[in-house]
Amino acid sequence: MLGALALMTAGFLFAAPAAQANNVPCTPYVISGSGYPADGLHLLNCMRAPQNSSEASRQNQIKNSVNGAPHILNQVKRNLLLNNDVVIYIFSNGQDAFDTLGIIQSANEPAPGMTETGRSWSIPNGPSNPNIPRPIITIWEYSVQQWNNGNPITSGYQYAQTGKTTEHEEGHIFDRLWAVQLGYPPIGTIPSTMTNADIAWLSAYSKDKANLSASAQSIINAQSPRLNKSNELFAVEFGSSAGGGWGPTITLPGGATQSESVFVKNNFKCTTWYMQKLYAANGVPPANPSPAACYGATIW
């Protein structure tokens, strides 16, 4: 029934008013025998029509890479996405996603960022997505910057930009679903998430922030400010556990570079350890911290 509702609602969403200039059609993507999400109900292709055979081939690679990301997860995690009717959309760009899905921009829901490659909404019928009664993930073939530059990606489908973005966005979905699974109550009018309700995560995050060097904090502020947000750090670390995630290349003092995920592992040791345990236990947080990873702490 959920699947049928998903397809029905998807059809309704794409009958949006003509005033939405970037409203685009979406069609289910199916891979026979694949299961979730390419089951005909949970992976929708909303990319603009390809202009030639090369672009058509690239779009097929993109669809397959996005479908592949949930398959990295074990069956318990994939079933949690399926049972909660989480739908993944692939758009050519973020503005198409906002217009087609009727996303309401606000101070808490800014327009697609210049280098952003996806966004998710884990709360059904939330303030920004009032017409979407399920958790959703949107993946963007091109960032705003790429789109404005004339779609410059001419070869390869860049798994990092599509599949690894999916892994990161899954982290935002699990931030919510695992909190619900544990029965955490809402905080006033704010729905619960692991990052605002789980005492173990909150303790681990505060320990890491307190022990960040001035240099590391400066790098974060300048190159990856999302790491200053608890929920974004959670998604980055989930993405690392699920296959890599997608983030900027960090330039260190002296000019050496490393991926954002490696930078996080080196500087957020307690939350990294927490995520490893949480991920392995399918959403059950560790009862006590590791003194080695959490600066000598033995209780949260």
Protein backbone atom coordinates (compact mmCIF):
# COMPACT_ATOMS: atom_id res chain seq x y z
CA MET A 1 0.00 0.00 0.00
CA LEU A 2 2.82 2.39 0.86
CA GLY A 3 4.38 1.74 -2.51
CA ALA A 4 1.13 2.44 -4.32
CA LEU A 5 0.69 5.65 -2.36
CA ALA A 6 4.25 6.66 -3.22
CA LEU A 7 3.58 6.34 -6.92
CA MET A 8 0.22 8.07 -6.68
CA THR A 9 1.65 10.97 -4.72
CA ALA A 10 4.61 11.26 -7.07
CA GLY A 11 2.15 11.68 -9.94
CA PHE A 12 0.30 14.35 -8.00
CA LEU A 13 3.48 16.24 -7.21
CA PHE A 14 4.47 16.44 -10.82
CA ALA A 15 1.13 17.96 -11.81
CA ALA A 16 2.38 21.19 -10.23
CA PRO A 17 1.25 24.66 -11.37
CA ALA A 18 2.88 26.02 -14.52
CA ALA A 19 4.22 28.93 -12.48
CA GLN A 20 6.99 26.65 -11.26
CA ALA A 21 9.34 27.42 -14.13
CA ASN A 22 11.71 24.53 -13.50
CA ASN A 23 9.05 21.89 -12.87
CA VAL A 24 10.19 18.70 -14.62
CA PRO A 25 8.60 15.26 -15.14
CA CYS A 26 9.83 12.24 -13.18
CA THR A 27 9.62 8.57 -14.08
CA PRO A 28 10.28 5.50 -11.91
CA TYR A 29 13.61 3.79 -12.53
CA VAL A 30 13.45 0.01 -12.37
CA ILE A 31 16.20 -2.61 -12.36
CA SER A 32 14.72 -6.09 -12.49
CA GLY A 33 15.57 -8.06 -9.36
CA SER A 34 17.38 -5.13 -7.75
CA GLY A 35 14.87 -4.47 -5.01
CA TYR A 36 14.92 -1.19 -3.09
CA PRO A 37 15.31 1.50 -4.31
CA ALA A 38 15.10 0.65 -8.06
CA ASP A 39 11.90 -1.31 -7.48
CA GLY A 40 9.69 1.00 -9.53
CA LEU A 41 8.49 2.96 -6.52
CA HIS A 42 11.45 4.43 -4.64
CA LEU A 43 13.92 5.73 -7.25
CA LEU A 44 12.63 8.41 -9.63
CA ASN A 45 14.56 9.86 -12.55
CA CYS A 46 13.85 13.57 -12.94
CA MET A 47 16.88 14.50 -15.04
CA ARG A 48 16.17 16.56 -18.12
CA ALA A 49 16.02 14.69 -21.42
CA PRO A 50 19.51 13.84 -22.67
CA GLN A 51 20.66 15.75 -25.75
CA ASN A 52 22.65 12.89 -27.29
CA SER A 53 23.60 9.25 -26.81
CA SER A 54 26.67 10.13 -24.74
CA GLU A 55 24.57 12.06 -22.24
CA ALA A 56 21.97 9.29 -22.20
CA SER A 57 24.69 6.79 -21.32
CA ARG A 58 26.00 9.07 -18.58
CA GLN A 59 22.53 9.48 -17.09
CA ASN A 60 22.11 5.71 -16.97
CA GLN A 61 25.41 5.48 -15.09
CA ILE A 62 24.16 8.12 -12.66
CA LYS A 63 20.91 6.24 -12.03
CA ASN A 64 22.83 3.05 -11.41
CA SER A 65 25.30 4.75 -9.06
CA VAL A 66 22.49 6.27 -6.98
CA ASN A 67 20.73 2.91 -6.85
CA GLY A 68 24.00 1.30 -5.80
CA ALA A 69 24.49 3.48 -2.72
CA PRO A 70 21.69 1.88 -0.63
CA HIS A 71 22.98 -1.55 -1.67
CA ILE A 72 26.17 -0.84 0.30
CA LEU A 73 23.99 -0.87 3.41
CA ASN A 74 23.15 -4.18 5.06
CA GLN A 75 19.65 -5.60 4.71
CA VAL A 76 18.51 -4.27 8.10
CA LYS A 77 19.31 -0.69 7.09
CA ARG A 78 17.86 -1.05 3.61
CA ASN A 79 14.67 -2.50 5.07
CA LEU A 80 14.40 0.49 7.39
CA LEU A 81 14.51 2.81 4.37
CA LEU A 82 12.03 0.65 2.48
CA ASN A 83 9.62 0.27 5.39
CA ASN A 84 9.61 4.03 5.91
CA ASP A 85 8.92 4.59 2.21
CA VAL A 86 12.05 6.73 1.66
CA VAL A 87 12.03 7.90 -1.97
CA ILE A 88 15.14 9.02 -3.87
CA TYR A 89 14.86 11.53 -6.71
CA ILE A 90 17.59 12.37 -9.24
CA PHE A 91 17.40 15.87 -10.76
CA SER A 92 19.62 17.71 -13.20
CA ASN A 93 20.07 20.54 -10.69
CA GLY A 94 18.87 21.73 -7.31
CA GLN A 95 16.48 24.37 -8.62
CA ASP A 96 14.61 21.71 -10.59
CA ALA A 97 14.33 19.74 -7.34
CA PHE A 98 12.97 22.69 -5.37
CA ASP A 99 10.47 23.73 -8.03
CA THR A 100 9.21 20.26 -8.90
CA LEU A 101 8.75 19.16 -5.29
CA GLY A 102 7.35 22.50 -4.15
CA ILE A 103 10.09 23.11 -1.58
CA ILE A 104 9.51 26.36 0.32
CA GLN A 105 12.65 28.42 0.72
CA SER A 106 13.22 30.16 4.04
CA ALA A 107 16.01 31.12 6.41
CA ASN A 108 16.11 27.49 7.51
CA GLU A 109 15.78 26.19 3.95
CA PRO A 110 18.13 28.22 1.75
CA ALA A 111 18.33 27.96 -2.01
CA PRO A 112 20.65 25.30 -3.44
CA GLY A 113 24.27 26.18 -2.70
CA MET A 114 26.76 26.82 -5.48
CA THR A 115 28.58 23.51 -4.98
CA GLU A 116 25.79 21.50 -3.34
CA THR A 117 24.92 18.17 -4.98
CA GLY A 118 21.88 17.00 -3.03
CA ARG A 119 19.55 17.60 -0.13
CA SER A 120 17.17 15.47 1.91
CA TRP A 121 14.05 15.99 3.99
CA SER A 122 13.63 13.42 6.75
CA ILE A 123 10.40 14.82 8.24
CA PRO A 124 7.29 14.07 6.13
CA ASN A 125 5.10 17.12 5.43
CA GLY A 126 7.61 19.41 7.12
CA PRO A 127 7.58 23.22 6.96
CA SER A 128 9.77 23.21 3.83
CA ASN A 129 8.12 20.21 2.15
CA PRO A 130 4.43 20.46 3.07
CA ASN A 131 3.23 18.36 0.11
CA ILE A 132 5.58 15.42 0.59
CA PRO A 133 4.24 12.82 3.04
CA ARG A 134 7.40 10.69 3.23
CA PRO A 135 11.13 11.09 3.83
CA ILE A 136 12.94 11.93 0.59
CA ILE A 137 16.45 12.25 -0.78
CA THR A 138 17.25 14.39 -3.82
CA ILE A 139 20.47 13.96 -5.79
CA TRP A 140 21.59 16.56 -8.32
CA GLU A 141 23.47 15.70 -11.49
CA TYR A 142 24.97 19.21 -11.54
CA SER A 143 25.65 21.73 -8.80
CA VAL A 144 24.48 25.32 -9.35
CA GLN A 145 28.04 26.26 -10.22
CA GLN A 146 28.32 23.48 -12.81
CA TRP A 147 24.89 24.22 -14.25
CA ASN A 148 25.64 27.93 -14.59
CA ASN A 149 28.92 27.08 -16.32
CA GLY A 150 27.11 25.17 -19.04
CA ASN A 151 27.07 21.64 -17.58
CA PRO A 152 30.85 21.18 -17.97
CA ILE A 153 31.06 17.54 -16.88
CA THR A 154 31.71 15.88 -20.21
CA SER A 155 33.02 12.45 -19.27
CA GLY A 156 32.26 9.93 -16.57
CA TYR A 157 29.39 10.01 -14.15
CA GLN A 158 31.48 10.90 -11.08
CA TYR A 159 30.29 8.38 -8.48
CA ALA A 160 31.58 10.76 -5.81
CA GLN A 161 29.06 13.38 -6.91
CA THR A 162 26.08 11.05 -7.18
CA GLY A 163 26.52 7.80 -5.27
CA LYS A 164 28.59 9.29 -2.49
CA THR A 165 26.19 12.21 -2.15
CA THR A 166 23.46 9.60 -1.70
CA GLU A 167 25.48 8.01 1.12
CA HIS A 168 25.76 11.38 2.86
CA GLU A 169 22.06 12.14 2.45
CA GLU A 170 21.17 8.71 3.80
CA GLY A 171 22.93 9.83 6.97
CA HIS A 172 20.39 12.63 7.43
CA ILE A 173 17.56 10.13 6.97
CA PHE A 174 19.02 7.68 9.49
CA ASP A 175 19.60 10.55 11.93
CA ARG A 176 15.81 10.75 12.12
CA LEU A 177 14.79 7.11 11.60
CA TRP A 178 17.10 5.74 14.29
CA ALA A 179 15.82 8.32 16.79
CA VAL A 180 12.25 7.19 16.05
CA GLN A 181 13.35 3.57 16.34
CA LEU A 182 14.70 4.31 19.83
CA GLY A 183 11.50 6.09 20.84
CA TYR A 184 13.06 9.50 21.51
CA PRO A 185 10.26 12.04 22.03
CA PRO A 186 10.02 15.36 20.18
CA ILE A 187 11.75 18.35 21.72
CA GLY A 188 8.80 20.71 21.98
CA THR A 189 7.67 21.18 18.39
CA ILE A 190 10.99 19.88 16.99
CA PRO A 191 10.93 16.22 15.87
CA SER A 192 13.62 14.12 17.51
CA THR A 193 16.83 13.12 15.77
CA MET A 194 19.90 11.33 17.03
CA THR A 195 21.76 14.63 16.85
CA ASN A 196 19.36 16.49 19.11
CA ALA A 197 18.17 13.69 21.42
CA ASP A 198 20.80 10.97 21.87
CA ILE A 199 22.89 11.66 24.95
CA ALA A 200 25.80 9.58 23.65
CA TRP A 201 26.03 11.55 20.40
CA LEU A 202 25.65 14.90 22.17
CA SER A 203 28.38 14.00 24.64
CA ALA A 204 30.73 12.71 21.94
CA TYR A 205 30.16 15.82 19.81
CA SER A 206 30.80 18.19 22.70
CA LYS A 207 34.00 16.36 23.61
CA ASP A 208 35.33 16.60 20.07
CA LYS A 209 34.44 20.28 19.76
CA ALA A 210 36.14 21.04 23.08
CA ASN A 211 39.32 19.29 21.93
CA LEU A 212 39.58 20.75 18.43
CA SER A 213 42.83 22.61 17.88
CA ALA A 214 42.66 26.26 16.85
CA SER A 215 44.15 25.26 13.51
CA ALA A 216 41.52 22.57 12.88
CA GLN A 217 38.71 24.96 13.81
CA SER A 218 40.12 27.58 11.44
CA ILE A 219 40.25 25.03 8.61
CA ILE A 220 36.65 24.01 9.29
CA ASN A 221 35.44 27.61 9.29
CA ALA A 222 37.19 28.38 6.02
CA GLN A 223 36.84 25.14 4.05
CA SER A 224 34.08 22.95 5.47
CA PRO A 225 31.80 25.03 7.71
CA ARG A 226 29.13 22.33 7.69
CA LEU A 227 31.28 20.45 10.22
CA ASN A 228 30.25 23.11 12.74
CA LYS A 229 26.73 21.64 12.55
CA SER A 230 26.03 18.52 14.60
CA ASN A 231 23.62 17.02 12.06
CA GLU A 232 25.99 17.60 9.14
CA LEU A 233 28.88 15.97 10.98
CA PHE A 234 26.61 12.98 11.66
CA ALA A 235 25.81 12.66 7.95
CA VAL A 236 29.47 13.04 6.97
CA GLU A 237 30.45 10.26 9.37
CA PHE A 238 27.56 8.05 8.27
CA GLY A 239 28.65 8.54 4.67
CA SER A 240 32.18 7.50 5.58
CA SER A 241 30.85 4.32 7.16
CA ALA A 242 28.60 3.63 4.17
CA GLY A 243 31.23 3.98 1.48
CA GLY A 244 32.84 7.40 1.59
CA GLY A 245 30.36 10.24 1.44
CA TRP A 246 31.05 13.35 -0.61
CA GLY A 247 32.78 16.48 0.60
CA PRO A 248 35.49 19.00 -0.17
CA THR A 249 39.20 18.35 -0.35
CA ILE A 250 40.81 19.93 2.72
CA THR A 251 44.05 21.88 2.31
CA LEU A 252 46.23 21.66 5.42
CA PRO A 253 48.86 24.17 6.57
CA GLY A 254 51.88 23.67 4.34
CA GLY A 255 49.78 22.75 1.31
CA ALA A 256 49.13 19.03 1.85
CA THR A 257 45.58 17.89 1.12
CA GLN A 258 43.23 15.22 2.45
CA SER A 259 39.60 14.31 2.02
CA GLU A 260 37.01 15.75 4.36
CA SER A 261 36.31 12.25 5.70
CA VAL A 262 39.97 11.72 6.65
CA PHE A 263 40.08 15.18 8.25
CA VAL A 264 37.01 14.27 10.32
CA LYS A 265 38.52 10.97 11.45
CA ASN A 266 41.66 12.78 12.57
CA ASN A 267 39.89 15.60 14.41
CA PHE A 268 36.53 14.19 15.56
CA LYS A 269 37.77 10.99 17.13
CA CYS A 270 34.98 10.45 19.64
CA THR A 271 32.08 10.96 17.22
CA THR A 272 33.91 8.83 14.64
CA TRP A 273 34.13 6.00 17.17
CA TYR A 274 30.47 6.54 18.12
CA MET A 275 29.37 6.31 14.47
CA GLN A 276 31.37 3.13 13.91
CA LYS A 277 29.57 1.51 16.84
CA LEU A 278 26.16 2.96 15.94
CA TYR A 279 26.46 1.90 12.30
CA ALA A 280 27.55 -1.64 13.17
CA ALA A 281 24.68 -1.98 15.68
CA ASN A 282 22.05 -0.71 13.19
CA GLY A 283 21.15 2.35 15.22
CA VAL A 284 21.81 1.28 18.81
CA PRO A 285 24.20 3.82 20.40
CA PRO A 286 27.15 2.58 22.48
CA ALA A 287 26.42 2.45 26.21
CA ASN A 288 29.77 3.92 27.22
CA PRO A 289 32.53 5.80 25.41
CA SER A 290 35.93 4.46 24.51
CA PRO A 291 38.50 6.24 26.74
CA ALA A 292 41.06 5.98 23.94
CA ALA A 293 38.80 7.73 21.43
CA CYS A 294 36.91 10.04 23.81
CA TYR A 295 39.69 11.80 25.68
CA GLY A 296 39.71 9.48 28.69
CA ALA A 297 35.94 9.52 29.30
CA THR A 298 34.34 6.32 30.59
CA ILE A 299 30.73 7.54 30.85
CA TRP A 300 28.70 9.78 28.58
